[in-house]
Amino acid sequence: MIERLVDARKREGLSQEAVAQRLGKPQQYVSRYETGERRLDIFEYLDAARVLSVDGLALASEADVQPS
C-alpha cells in the first residue's frame, strides 16, 4: 500500500519535503514510511493519501495484501 503512495507522489511531481509540508511533518517522516522504517496507522495513511489527492480507501482496497 505504501508503494501506491510513493507512486502517487511521483506522479504528482512532489518531493518528500513537499508532502511532509502538506502533512505538517518533517521530511524524515515521509522518508521513513516510504522505506518501511516506519508504519502508518490507517488515519496517517488516509492523511497521506488526501494530501496526494488520491482516494486512500480505493488504494487500500486495490492493494494485494497478504496476511502475515
C-alpha atoms as a PDB file:
ATOM      1  CA  MET A   1       0.000   0.000   0.000  1.00  0.00           C
ATOM      2  CA  ILE A   2       2.870   2.359   0.696  1.00  0.00           C
ATOM      3  CA  GLU A   3       4.163   1.725  -2.801  1.00  0.00           C
ATOM      4  CA  ARG A   4       0.916   3.202  -4.107  1.00  0.00           C
ATOM      5  CA  LEU A   5       1.500   6.357  -2.061  1.00  0.00           C
ATOM      6  CA  VAL A   6       5.037   6.626  -3.425  1.00  0.00           C
ATOM      7  CA  ASP A   7       3.740   6.180  -6.981  1.00  0.00           C
ATOM      8  CA  ALA A   8       1.084   8.857  -6.400  1.00  0.00           C
ATOM      9  CA  ARG A   9       3.691  11.270  -5.003  1.00  0.00           C
ATOM     10  CA  LYS A  10       5.924  10.758  -8.017  1.00  0.00           C
ATOM     11  CA  ARG A  11       3.004  11.107 -10.472  1.00  0.00           C
ATOM     12  CA  GLU A  12       2.163  14.439  -8.844  1.00  0.00           C
ATOM     13  CA  GLY A  13       5.797  15.502  -9.196  1.00  0.00           C
ATOM     14  CA  LEU A  14       6.101  16.127  -5.469  1.00  0.00           C
ATOM     15  CA  SER A  15       9.184  15.733  -3.321  1.00  0.00           C
ATOM     16  CA  GLN A  16       9.101  14.087   0.068  1.00  0.00           C
ATOM     17  CA  GLU A  17       9.632  17.552   1.526  1.00  0.00           C
ATOM     18  CA  ALA A  18       6.532  18.911  -0.256  1.00  0.00           C
ATOM     19  CA  VAL A  19       4.384  16.053   1.029  1.00  0.00           C
ATOM     20  CA  ALA A  20       5.790  16.474   4.527  1.00  0.00           C
ATOM     21  CA  GLN A  21       4.960  20.184   4.493  1.00  0.00           C
ATOM     22  CA  ARG A  22       1.379  19.417   3.481  1.00  0.00           C
ATOM     23  CA  LEU A  23       1.144  16.924   6.333  1.00  0.00           C
ATOM     24  CA  GLY A  24       2.767  19.294   8.821  1.00  0.00           C
ATOM     25  CA  LYS A  25       5.533  16.770   9.462  1.00  0.00           C
ATOM     26  CA  PRO A  26       9.309  16.695   8.927  1.00  0.00           C
ATOM     27  CA  GLN A  27      10.669  15.263   5.672  1.00  0.00           C
ATOM     28  CA  GLN A  28      12.080  12.280   7.578  1.00  0.00           C
ATOM     29  CA  TYR A  29       8.511  11.201   8.412  1.00  0.00           C
ATOM     30  CA  VAL A  30       7.757  10.660   4.714  1.00  0.00           C
ATOM     31  CA  SER A  31      11.127   9.069   4.059  1.00  0.00           C
ATOM     32  CA  ARG A  32      10.690   6.612   6.906  1.00  0.00           C
ATOM     33  CA  TYR A  33       7.253   5.407   5.877  1.00  0.00           C
ATOM     34  CA  GLU A  34       8.284   5.187   2.230  1.00  0.00           C
ATOM     35  CA  THR A  35      11.277   2.995   3.084  1.00  0.00           C
ATOM     36  CA  GLY A  36       9.314   0.857   5.539  1.00  0.00           C
ATOM     37  CA  GLU A  37      11.265   2.089   8.544  1.00  0.00           C
ATOM     38  CA  ARG A  38       8.004   3.417   9.999  1.00  0.00           C
ATOM     39  CA  ARG A  39       4.498   2.044   9.679  1.00  0.00           C
ATOM     40  CA  LEU A  40       1.474   4.245   9.168  1.00  0.00           C
ATOM     41  CA  ASP A  41      -1.754   3.660  11.009  1.00  0.00           C
ATOM     42  CA  ILE A  42      -4.952   3.907   8.961  1.00  0.00           C
ATOM     43  CA  PHE A  43      -5.518   7.565   9.840  1.00  0.00           C
ATOM     44  CA  GLU A  44      -1.965   8.537   8.862  1.00  0.00           C
ATOM     45  CA  TYR A  45      -2.342   6.563   5.627  1.00  0.00           C
ATOM     46  CA  LEU A  46      -5.588   8.349   4.770  1.00  0.00           C
ATOM     47  CA  ASP A  47      -3.998  11.748   5.565  1.00  0.00           C
ATOM     48  CA  ALA A  48      -1.075  10.981   3.250  1.00  0.00           C
ATOM     49  CA  ALA A  49      -3.474   9.877   0.509  1.00  0.00           C
ATOM     50  CA  ARG A  50      -5.549  13.038   0.972  1.00  0.00           C
ATOM     51  CA  VAL A  51      -2.580  15.376   0.513  1.00  0.00           C
ATOM     52  CA  LEU A  52      -1.685  13.414  -2.635  1.00  0.00           C
ATOM     53  CA  SER A  53      -5.251  13.896  -3.941  1.00  0.00           C
ATOM     54  CA  VAL A  54      -5.930  10.176  -4.133  1.00  0.00           C
ATOM     55  CA  ASP A  55      -8.687   8.063  -2.626  1.00  0.00           C
ATOM     56  CA  GLY A  56      -6.954   6.247   0.204  1.00  0.00           C
ATOM     57  CA  LEU A  57      -9.786   3.777   0.672  1.00  0.00           C
ATOM     58  CA  ALA A  58      -9.732   2.881  -3.022  1.00  0.00           C
ATOM     59  CA  LEU A  59      -5.952   2.447  -2.893  1.00  0.00           C
ATOM     60  CA  ALA A  60      -6.260   0.203   0.126  1.00  0.00           C
ATOM     61  CA  SER A  61      -8.979  -1.930  -1.446  1.00  0.00           C
ATOM     62  CA  GLU A  62      -6.919  -2.362  -4.630  1.00  0.00           C
ATOM     63  CA  ALA A  63      -3.824  -3.450  -2.713  1.00  0.00           C
ATOM     64  CA  ASP A  64      -2.865  -7.092  -2.823  1.00  0.00           C
ATOM     65  CA  VAL A  65      -2.404  -7.524   0.909  1.00  0.00           C
ATOM     66  CA  GLN A  66      -1.450 -10.956   2.177  1.00  0.00           C
ATOM     67  CA  PRO A  67      -1.953 -11.789   5.842  1.00  0.00           C
ATOM     68  CA  SER A  68       1.265 -12.393   7.734  1.00  0.00           C
END
